[in-house]
Amino acid sequence: MIIMKHTLLLIAFILFGTITFAQSFNRENITYSIGIIRMPLESEDFNDFHISDWQDFGLGSIEGRVAVPLSEERATSSYGVTGALLYNFNEKWTGLLELGLGVTDFFVLDFMVGAEYALINANLFQLRGVLKAGYATGFGGSTTADILPGKTPPVILPEGTFDAGDAIDVTFNNIPVQLGVKPVIQLTERFALYGNFFYSVSLGNEATIEAGEVEVMFDSDAVVAPDGSSTQAGIAPELKLNGFGFDAGVIIRPK
């Protein structure tokens, strides 16, 4: 998937930069966390559609046309893993860089930057307020390009050509903002347990169809209603990290 490859390269670059950046700070103030996460998802306008080259080949037997059953891909959450680098500026403030990966229902990647403030700071217990924002991308609607009966492959669009057997995915990008509370229980000098309970709101939404190596926007004339006609589908699907979520795991202080 084109966008996924670019996203993974971007995240690799960010992680490399994060490690390099962290080395310039006092290592005694650096901790790491790893845990499990439930990402809250909200899907809108997930309706079936067809992709067709009717503009050049009409609606007859030489038309290339495939169906995408997007309505089957609605999801309310994605579970996965999360990891973070934390830098303790002082007893109250902690900065964080976080990477999350959801792998159930929808494949979701997010990279977050934020801060934590110690609301309660006891000897073995902290309660932190957390505010973070970042970038999220989701991949779903996965199917294989099966040419509809009575139609002719390949599908030849102004954006490019894809053929029977090519993968078709829908990619979503937006900016999540999250506010949460995070209890932390210190177990030893090096290890602590945490739970983070947050509410997430996403800003903006960009959805793209990837058919083989071809990118198609939802407002393209090639994206049509699933009734065999040339009527534009008129859908604008959204997948956002909206709602209540949580993550929990362990915080580790390096030796």
C-alpha atoms as a PDB file:
ATOM      1  CA  MET A   1       0.000   0.000   0.000  1.00  0.00           C
ATOM      2  CA  ILE A   2       1.463   3.306  -1.113  1.00  0.00           C
ATOM      3  CA  ILE A   3       0.350   5.485   1.796  1.00  0.00           C
ATOM      4  CA  MET A   4       1.195   2.803   4.340  1.00  0.00           C
ATOM      5  CA  LYS A   5       4.769   2.573   3.000  1.00  0.00           C
ATOM      6  CA  HIS A   6       5.137   6.345   3.256  1.00  0.00           C
ATOM      7  CA  THR A   7       3.678   6.301   6.775  1.00  0.00           C
ATOM      8  CA  LEU A   8       6.064   3.594   7.961  1.00  0.00           C
ATOM      9  CA  LEU A   9       9.025   5.523   6.511  1.00  0.00           C
ATOM     10  CA  LEU A  10       7.826   8.657   8.299  1.00  0.00           C
ATOM     11  CA  ILE A  11       7.491   6.815  11.616  1.00  0.00           C
ATOM     12  CA  ALA A  12      10.947   5.248  11.194  1.00  0.00           C
ATOM     13  CA  PHE A  13      12.373   8.723  10.618  1.00  0.00           C
ATOM     14  CA  ILE A  14      10.538  10.078  13.687  1.00  0.00           C
ATOM     15  CA  LEU A  15      11.770   7.221  15.884  1.00  0.00           C
ATOM     16  CA  PHE A  16      15.345   7.732  14.713  1.00  0.00           C
ATOM     17  CA  GLY A  17      15.040  11.454  15.412  1.00  0.00           C
ATOM     18  CA  THR A  18      13.492  10.755  18.826  1.00  0.00           C
ATOM     19  CA  ILE A  19      16.356   8.473  19.877  1.00  0.00           C
ATOM     20  CA  THR A  20      18.942  10.961  18.642  1.00  0.00           C
ATOM     21  CA  PHE A  21      17.097  13.811  20.376  1.00  0.00           C
ATOM     22  CA  ALA A  22      16.842  11.899  23.658  1.00  0.00           C
ATOM     23  CA  GLN A  23      20.582  11.267  23.757  1.00  0.00           C
ATOM     24  CA  SER A  24      21.198  15.009  24.078  1.00  0.00           C
ATOM     25  CA  PHE A  25      19.273  15.127  27.393  1.00  0.00           C
ATOM     26  CA  ASN A  26      20.084  13.910  30.879  1.00  0.00           C
ATOM     27  CA  ARG A  27      19.626  10.142  30.620  1.00  0.00           C
ATOM     28  CA  GLU A  28      18.687   9.902  34.298  1.00  0.00           C
ATOM     29  CA  ASN A  29      15.450  11.760  33.491  1.00  0.00           C
ATOM     30  CA  ILE A  30      14.411   9.368  30.706  1.00  0.00           C
ATOM     31  CA  THR A  31      11.968   6.499  31.157  1.00  0.00           C
ATOM     32  CA  TYR A  32      10.185   4.227  28.704  1.00  0.00           C
ATOM     33  CA  SER A  33       6.749   2.657  28.757  1.00  0.00           C
ATOM     34  CA  ILE A  34       5.198  -0.251  26.919  1.00  0.00           C
ATOM     35  CA  GLY A  35       1.648  -1.521  27.178  1.00  0.00           C
ATOM     36  CA  ILE A  36      -1.601  -2.545  25.560  1.00  0.00           C
ATOM     37  CA  ILE A  37      -4.078  -0.032  24.152  1.00  0.00           C
ATOM     38  CA  ARG A  38      -7.702   0.215  23.136  1.00  0.00           C
ATOM     39  CA  MET A  39      -8.109   2.878  20.456  1.00  0.00           C
ATOM     40  CA  PRO A  40     -11.680   4.226  20.213  1.00  0.00           C
ATOM     41  CA  LEU A  41     -12.933   4.391  16.620  1.00  0.00           C
ATOM     42  CA  GLU A  42     -15.894   6.174  15.085  1.00  0.00           C
ATOM     43  CA  SER A  43     -16.841   5.382  11.483  1.00  0.00           C
ATOM     44  CA  GLU A  44     -19.250   7.445   9.394  1.00  0.00           C
ATOM     45  CA  ASP A  45     -20.659   7.067   5.875  1.00  0.00           C
ATOM     46  CA  PHE A  46     -19.269   3.547   5.479  1.00  0.00           C
ATOM     47  CA  ASN A  47     -21.341   2.511   2.468  1.00  0.00           C
ATOM     48  CA  ASP A  48     -20.677   0.102  -0.383  1.00  0.00           C
ATOM     49  CA  PHE A  49     -19.496   1.495  -3.718  1.00  0.00           C
ATOM     50  CA  HIS A  50     -18.126   0.470  -7.108  1.00  0.00           C
ATOM     51  CA  ILE A  51     -15.028   1.626  -8.988  1.00  0.00           C
ATOM     52  CA  SER A  52     -15.620   1.874 -12.741  1.00  0.00           C
ATOM     53  CA  ASP A  53     -13.932   3.092 -15.920  1.00  0.00           C
ATOM     54  CA  TRP A  54     -17.333   3.921 -17.458  1.00  0.00           C
ATOM     55  CA  GLN A  55     -16.088   7.362 -18.552  1.00  0.00           C
ATOM     56  CA  ASP A  56     -13.972   5.811 -21.306  1.00  0.00           C
ATOM     57  CA  PHE A  57     -15.696   2.479 -21.881  1.00  0.00           C
ATOM     58  CA  GLY A  58     -19.363   3.071 -21.074  1.00  0.00           C
ATOM     59  CA  LEU A  59     -21.558   0.751 -19.043  1.00  0.00           C
ATOM     60  CA  GLY A  60     -21.471  -2.259 -21.357  1.00  0.00           C
ATOM     61  CA  SER A  61     -19.453  -5.448 -21.370  1.00  0.00           C
ATOM     62  CA  ILE A  62     -16.099  -3.747 -22.003  1.00  0.00           C
ATOM     63  CA  GLU A  63     -16.435  -1.678 -18.822  1.00  0.00           C
ATOM     64  CA  GLY A  64     -14.034  -2.550 -15.997  1.00  0.00           C
ATOM     65  CA  ARG A  65     -15.941  -2.508 -12.686  1.00  0.00           C
ATOM     66  CA  VAL A  66     -15.288  -3.803  -9.156  1.00  0.00           C
ATOM     67  CA  ALA A  67     -17.321  -3.729  -5.933  1.00  0.00           C
ATOM     68  CA  VAL A  68     -15.960  -2.519  -2.576  1.00  0.00           C
ATOM     69  CA  PRO A  69     -18.104  -3.696   0.417  1.00  0.00           C
ATOM     70  CA  LEU A  70     -17.091  -0.894   2.775  1.00  0.00           C
ATOM     71  CA  SER A  71     -20.244  -1.292   4.898  1.00  0.00           C
ATOM     72  CA  GLU A  72     -18.782  -4.540   6.276  1.00  0.00           C
ATOM     73  CA  GLU A  73     -15.806  -2.684   7.788  1.00  0.00           C
ATOM     74  CA  ARG A  74     -17.477  -0.582  10.498  1.00  0.00           C
ATOM     75  CA  ALA A  75     -15.570  -0.739  13.790  1.00  0.00           C
ATOM     76  CA  THR A  76     -15.799   0.846  17.237  1.00  0.00           C
ATOM     77  CA  SER A  77     -12.299   0.072  18.484  1.00  0.00           C
ATOM     78  CA  SER A  78      -8.904  -1.345  17.651  1.00  0.00           C
ATOM     79  CA  TYR A  79      -6.715  -3.145  20.207  1.00  0.00           C
ATOM     80  CA  GLY A  80      -2.956  -3.269  20.045  1.00  0.00           C
ATOM     81  CA  VAL A  81       0.278  -2.122  21.660  1.00  0.00           C
ATOM     82  CA  THR A  82       1.753   1.234  22.587  1.00  0.00           C
ATOM     83  CA  GLY A  83       5.188   2.482  23.565  1.00  0.00           C
ATOM     84  CA  ALA A  84       6.458   5.847  24.743  1.00  0.00           C
ATOM     85  CA  LEU A  85       9.579   7.769  25.633  1.00  0.00           C
ATOM     86  CA  LEU A  86       9.074  10.011  28.667  1.00  0.00           C
ATOM     87  CA  TYR A  87      11.319  12.817  29.914  1.00  0.00           C
ATOM     88  CA  ASN A  88      10.909  14.089  33.476  1.00  0.00           C
ATOM     89  CA  PHE A  89      11.547  17.845  33.458  1.00  0.00           C
ATOM     90  CA  ASN A  90      10.842  18.132  37.187  1.00  0.00           C
ATOM     91  CA  GLU A  91       8.609  16.607  39.884  1.00  0.00           C
ATOM     92  CA  LYS A  92       5.461  17.946  38.197  1.00  0.00           C
ATOM     93  CA  TRP A  93       6.033  17.950  34.429  1.00  0.00           C
ATOM     94  CA  THR A  94       6.847  15.072  32.073  1.00  0.00           C
ATOM     95  CA  GLY A  95       7.086  15.250  28.284  1.00  0.00           C
ATOM     96  CA  LEU A  96       6.204  12.270  26.106  1.00  0.00           C
ATOM     97  CA  LEU A  97       6.571  10.891  22.604  1.00  0.00           C
ATOM     98  CA  GLU A  98       4.269   7.942  21.945  1.00  0.00           C
ATOM     99  CA  LEU A  99       3.665   5.412  19.196  1.00  0.00           C
ATOM    100  CA  GLY A 100       0.504   3.281  19.121  1.00  0.00           C
ATOM    101  CA  LEU A 101      -0.417   0.363  16.889  1.00  0.00           C
ATOM    102  CA  GLY A 102      -3.939  -1.077  16.692  1.00  0.00           C
ATOM    103  CA  VAL A 103      -4.246  -4.398  14.881  1.00  0.00           C
ATOM    104  CA  THR A 104      -7.847  -5.618  15.395  1.00  0.00           C
ATOM    105  CA  ASP A 105     -10.729  -4.699  13.057  1.00  0.00           C
ATOM    106  CA  PHE A 106      -8.789  -1.749  11.646  1.00  0.00           C
ATOM    107  CA  PHE A 107      -5.014  -1.412  11.357  1.00  0.00           C
ATOM    108  CA  VAL A 108      -4.317   1.945  13.052  1.00  0.00           C
ATOM    109  CA  LEU A 109      -1.028   3.779  13.606  1.00  0.00           C
ATOM    110  CA  ASP A 110      -0.703   6.921  15.686  1.00  0.00           C
ATOM    111  CA  PHE A 111       2.198   9.100  16.773  1.00  0.00           C
ATOM    112  CA  MET A 112       1.518  11.429  19.679  1.00  0.00           C
ATOM    113  CA  VAL A 113       3.389  14.268  21.392  1.00  0.00           C
ATOM    114  CA  GLY A 114       2.274  15.612  24.741  1.00  0.00           C
ATOM    115  CA  ALA A 115       2.819  16.371  28.397  1.00  0.00           C
ATOM    116  CA  GLU A 116       1.868  14.934  31.771  1.00  0.00           C
ATOM    117  CA  TYR A 117       1.285  16.926  34.946  1.00  0.00           C
ATOM    118  CA  ALA A 118       1.408  15.310  38.401  1.00  0.00           C
ATOM    119  CA  LEU A 119      -1.906  16.112  40.121  1.00  0.00           C
ATOM    120  CA  ILE A 120      -0.944  13.869  43.047  1.00  0.00           C
ATOM    121  CA  ASN A 121       2.706  13.100  43.738  1.00  0.00           C
ATOM    122  CA  ALA A 122       3.107  10.727  46.705  1.00  0.00           C
ATOM    123  CA  ASN A 123       6.017   8.443  47.476  1.00  0.00           C
ATOM    124  CA  LEU A 124       4.804   5.356  45.607  1.00  0.00           C
ATOM    125  CA  PHE A 125       1.794   6.759  43.769  1.00  0.00           C
ATOM    126  CA  GLN A 126       1.173   9.461  41.190  1.00  0.00           C
ATOM    127  CA  LEU A 127      -1.959  10.658  39.463  1.00  0.00           C
ATOM    128  CA  ARG A 128      -1.079  12.504  36.273  1.00  0.00           C
ATOM    129  CA  GLY A 129      -3.176  14.590  33.925  1.00  0.00           C
ATOM    130  CA  VAL A 130      -2.254  13.872  30.304  1.00  0.00           C
ATOM    131  CA  LEU A 131      -2.708  16.029  27.199  1.00  0.00           C
ATOM    132  CA  LYS A 132      -1.399  14.921  23.816  1.00  0.00           C
ATOM    133  CA  ALA A 133      -1.975  15.393  20.105  1.00  0.00           C
ATOM    134  CA  GLY A 134      -0.521  13.891  16.967  1.00  0.00           C
ATOM    135  CA  TYR A 135      -1.138  12.114  13.679  1.00  0.00           C
ATOM    136  CA  ALA A 136      -3.143   8.949  13.042  1.00  0.00           C
ATOM    137  CA  THR A 137      -3.620   6.815   9.972  1.00  0.00           C
ATOM    138  CA  GLY A 138      -5.935   3.823   9.559  1.00  0.00           C
ATOM    139  CA  PHE A 139      -6.149   1.102   6.937  1.00  0.00           C
ATOM    140  CA  GLY A 140      -9.334  -0.856   6.309  1.00  0.00           C
ATOM    141  CA  GLY A 141     -11.932  -1.919   3.799  1.00  0.00           C
ATOM    142  CA  SER A 142      -9.453  -4.482   2.509  1.00  0.00           C
ATOM    143  CA  THR A 143     -10.699  -6.544  -0.382  1.00  0.00           C
ATOM    144  CA  THR A 144      -9.469  -8.017  -3.649  1.00  0.00           C
ATOM    145  CA  ALA A 145     -10.357  -6.527  -7.004  1.00  0.00           C
ATOM    146  CA  ASP A 146     -12.825  -9.019  -8.464  1.00  0.00           C
ATOM    147  CA  ILE A 147     -14.234  -7.844 -11.781  1.00  0.00           C
ATOM    148  CA  LEU A 148     -18.021  -7.972 -11.683  1.00  0.00           C
ATOM    149  CA  PRO A 149     -19.776 -10.541 -13.912  1.00  0.00           C
ATOM    150  CA  GLY A 150     -20.192  -9.365 -17.487  1.00  0.00           C
ATOM    151  CA  LYS A 151     -17.413  -6.772 -17.167  1.00  0.00           C
ATOM    152  CA  THR A 152     -13.885  -6.716 -18.628  1.00  0.00           C
ATOM    153  CA  PRO A 153     -10.562  -6.244 -16.800  1.00  0.00           C
ATOM    154  CA  PRO A 154      -8.473  -4.238 -16.224  1.00  0.00           C
ATOM    155  CA  VAL A 155     -10.017  -1.081 -14.726  1.00  0.00           C
ATOM    156  CA  ILE A 156      -8.455   1.825 -16.622  1.00  0.00           C
ATOM    157  CA  LEU A 157      -8.847   5.179 -14.855  1.00  0.00           C
ATOM    158  CA  PRO A 158      -7.319   8.625 -15.382  1.00  0.00           C
ATOM    159  CA  GLU A 159      -5.471   8.018 -12.091  1.00  0.00           C
ATOM    160  CA  GLY A 160      -3.988   4.742 -13.342  1.00  0.00           C
ATOM    161  CA  THR A 161      -4.820   1.101 -14.058  1.00  0.00           C
ATOM    162  CA  PHE A 162      -5.453  -1.813 -11.723  1.00  0.00           C
ATOM    163  CA  ASP A 163      -6.387  -5.395 -12.515  1.00  0.00           C
ATOM    164  CA  ALA A 164      -8.263  -8.354 -11.122  1.00  0.00           C
ATOM    165  CA  GLY A 165      -6.531  -9.718  -8.007  1.00  0.00           C
ATOM    166  CA  ASP A 166      -5.052  -6.381  -6.929  1.00  0.00           C
ATOM    167  CA  ALA A 167      -5.642  -5.345  -3.315  1.00  0.00           C
ATOM    168  CA  ILE A 168      -8.116  -2.541  -2.617  1.00  0.00           C
ATOM    169  CA  ASP A 169      -7.800  -0.644   0.671  1.00  0.00           C
ATOM    170  CA  VAL A 170      -9.238   2.534   2.133  1.00  0.00           C
ATOM    171  CA  THR A 171      -6.816   4.762   4.058  1.00  0.00           C
ATOM    172  CA  PHE A 172      -7.831   7.406   6.594  1.00  0.00           C
ATOM    173  CA  ASN A 173      -5.692  10.187   8.090  1.00  0.00           C
ATOM    174  CA  ASN A 174      -6.519  12.693  10.830  1.00  0.00           C
ATOM    175  CA  ILE A 175      -5.193  14.542  13.892  1.00  0.00           C
ATOM    176  CA  PRO A 176      -6.284  13.143  17.280  1.00  0.00           C
ATOM    177  CA  VAL A 177      -6.257  15.218  20.472  1.00  0.00           C
ATOM    178  CA  GLN A 178      -6.503  13.306  23.758  1.00  0.00           C
ATOM    179  CA  LEU A 179      -7.086  14.288  27.389  1.00  0.00           C
ATOM    180  CA  GLY A 180      -6.719  11.712  30.131  1.00  0.00           C
ATOM    181  CA  VAL A 181      -5.820  10.741  33.686  1.00  0.00           C
ATOM    182  CA  LYS A 182      -2.963   8.361  34.419  1.00  0.00           C
ATOM    183  CA  PRO A 183      -2.451   6.635  37.786  1.00  0.00           C
ATOM    184  CA  VAL A 184       1.111   5.359  38.296  1.00  0.00           C
ATOM    185  CA  ILE A 185       2.140   2.864  41.002  1.00  0.00           C
ATOM    186  CA  GLN A 186       5.870   2.599  41.708  1.00  0.00           C
ATOM    187  CA  LEU A 187       6.944  -1.030  42.232  1.00  0.00           C
ATOM    188  CA  THR A 188      10.720  -0.663  42.455  1.00  0.00           C
ATOM    189  CA  GLU A 189      13.271   2.005  41.660  1.00  0.00           C
ATOM    190  CA  ARG A 190      13.214   0.935  38.002  1.00  0.00           C
ATOM    191  CA  PHE A 191       9.673  -0.371  37.415  1.00  0.00           C
ATOM    192  CA  ALA A 192       6.188   1.101  37.740  1.00  0.00           C
ATOM    193  CA  LEU A 193       2.705   0.131  36.581  1.00  0.00           C
ATOM    194  CA  TYR A 194       0.411   2.638  34.860  1.00  0.00           C
ATOM    195  CA  GLY A 195      -3.074   2.957  33.455  1.00  0.00           C
ATOM    196  CA  ASN A 196      -4.171   5.790  31.177  1.00  0.00           C
ATOM    197  CA  PHE A 197      -7.869   6.535  30.715  1.00  0.00           C
ATOM    198  CA  PHE A 198      -8.485   9.118  28.009  1.00  0.00           C
ATOM    199  CA  TYR A 199     -11.034  10.785  25.775  1.00  0.00           C
ATOM    200  CA  SER A 200     -10.032  11.341  22.156  1.00  0.00           C
ATOM    201  CA  VAL A 201     -11.312  13.793  19.539  1.00  0.00           C
ATOM    202  CA  SER A 202     -10.032  13.807  15.944  1.00  0.00           C
ATOM    203  CA  LEU A 203      -9.646  16.886  13.792  1.00  0.00           C
ATOM    204  CA  GLY A 204      -9.947  16.719  10.017  1.00  0.00           C
ATOM    205  CA  ASN A 205     -10.273  13.629   7.860  1.00  0.00           C
ATOM    206  CA  GLU A 206      -8.691  12.522   4.608  1.00  0.00           C
ATOM    207  CA  ALA A 207      -9.837   9.291   2.987  1.00  0.00           C
ATOM    208  CA  THR A 208      -8.172   7.682  -0.028  1.00  0.00           C
ATOM    209  CA  ILE A 209      -8.824   4.497  -1.989  1.00  0.00           C
ATOM    210  CA  GLU A 210      -5.771   2.446  -2.943  1.00  0.00           C
ATOM    211  CA  ALA A 211      -6.370  -0.032  -5.762  1.00  0.00           C
ATOM    212  CA  GLY A 212      -3.119  -1.812  -6.535  1.00  0.00           C
ATOM    213  CA  GLU A 213      -0.689   1.073  -7.017  1.00  0.00           C
ATOM    214  CA  VAL A 214      -3.435   3.553  -7.931  1.00  0.00           C
ATOM    215  CA  GLU A 215      -4.782   6.217  -5.565  1.00  0.00           C
ATOM    216  CA  VAL A 216      -8.392   7.325  -6.092  1.00  0.00           C
ATOM    217  CA  MET A 217     -10.235  10.020  -4.136  1.00  0.00           C
ATOM    218  CA  PHE A 218     -13.833   9.466  -3.079  1.00  0.00           C
ATOM    219  CA  ASP A 219     -15.041  12.452  -5.124  1.00  0.00           C
ATOM    220  CA  SER A 220     -13.689  10.908  -8.334  1.00  0.00           C
ATOM    221  CA  ASP A 221     -16.224  10.177 -11.094  1.00  0.00           C
ATOM    222  CA  ALA A 222     -14.852   6.612 -11.052  1.00  0.00           C
ATOM    223  CA  VAL A 223     -16.326   6.035  -7.578  1.00  0.00           C
ATOM    224  CA  VAL A 224     -19.935   5.179  -8.366  1.00  0.00           C
ATOM    225  CA  ALA A 225     -23.089   3.845  -6.750  1.00  0.00           C
ATOM    226  CA  PRO A 226     -23.270   0.034  -6.336  1.00  0.00           C
ATOM    227  CA  ASP A 227     -26.276  -0.272  -8.660  1.00  0.00           C
ATOM    228  CA  GLY A 228     -24.539  -0.673 -12.012  1.00  0.00           C
ATOM    229  CA  SER A 229     -25.034   2.978 -13.003  1.00  0.00           C
ATOM    230  CA  SER A 230     -22.573   5.829 -13.555  1.00  0.00           C
ATOM    231  CA  THR A 231     -23.991   7.884 -10.669  1.00  0.00           C
ATOM    232  CA  GLN A 232     -21.279   9.240  -8.400  1.00  0.00           C
ATOM    233  CA  ALA A 233     -21.402   7.352  -5.078  1.00  0.00           C
ATOM    234  CA  GLY A 234     -21.682  10.594  -3.106  1.00  0.00           C
ATOM    235  CA  ILE A 235     -20.029   9.218   0.015  1.00  0.00           C
ATOM    236  CA  ALA A 236     -17.308  10.727   2.221  1.00  0.00           C
ATOM    237  CA  PRO A 237     -16.270   8.005   4.696  1.00  0.00           C
ATOM    238  CA  GLU A 238     -14.634   9.031   7.945  1.00  0.00           C
ATOM    239  CA  LEU A 239     -12.691   6.968  10.462  1.00  0.00           C
ATOM    240  CA  LYS A 240     -11.691   8.928  13.552  1.00  0.00           C
ATOM    241  CA  LEU A 241     -10.182   8.245  16.951  1.00  0.00           C
ATOM    242  CA  ASN A 242     -13.226   9.564  18.813  1.00  0.00           C
ATOM    243  CA  GLY A 243     -14.448   8.417  22.212  1.00  0.00           C
ATOM    244  CA  PHE A 244     -13.107   6.834  25.395  1.00  0.00           C
ATOM    245  CA  GLY A 245     -10.025   4.652  25.287  1.00  0.00           C
ATOM    246  CA  PHE A 246      -7.361   3.302  27.606  1.00  0.00           C
ATOM    247  CA  ASP A 247      -3.869   1.909  27.717  1.00  0.00           C
ATOM    248  CA  ALA A 248      -2.038   0.144  30.521  1.00  0.00           C
ATOM    249  CA  GLY A 249       1.407  -1.285  31.000  1.00  0.00           C
ATOM    250  CA  VAL A 250       4.783  -0.844  32.634  1.00  0.00           C
ATOM    251  CA  ILE A 251       7.165   2.121  32.920  1.00  0.00           C
ATOM    252  CA  ILE A 252      10.854   1.230  32.855  1.00  0.00           C
ATOM    253  CA  ARG A 253      13.805   3.333  33.987  1.00  0.00           C
ATOM    254  CA  PRO A 254      16.999   2.224  32.197  1.00  0.00           C
ATOM    255  CA  LYS A 255      20.053   1.293  34.247  1.00  0.00           C
END
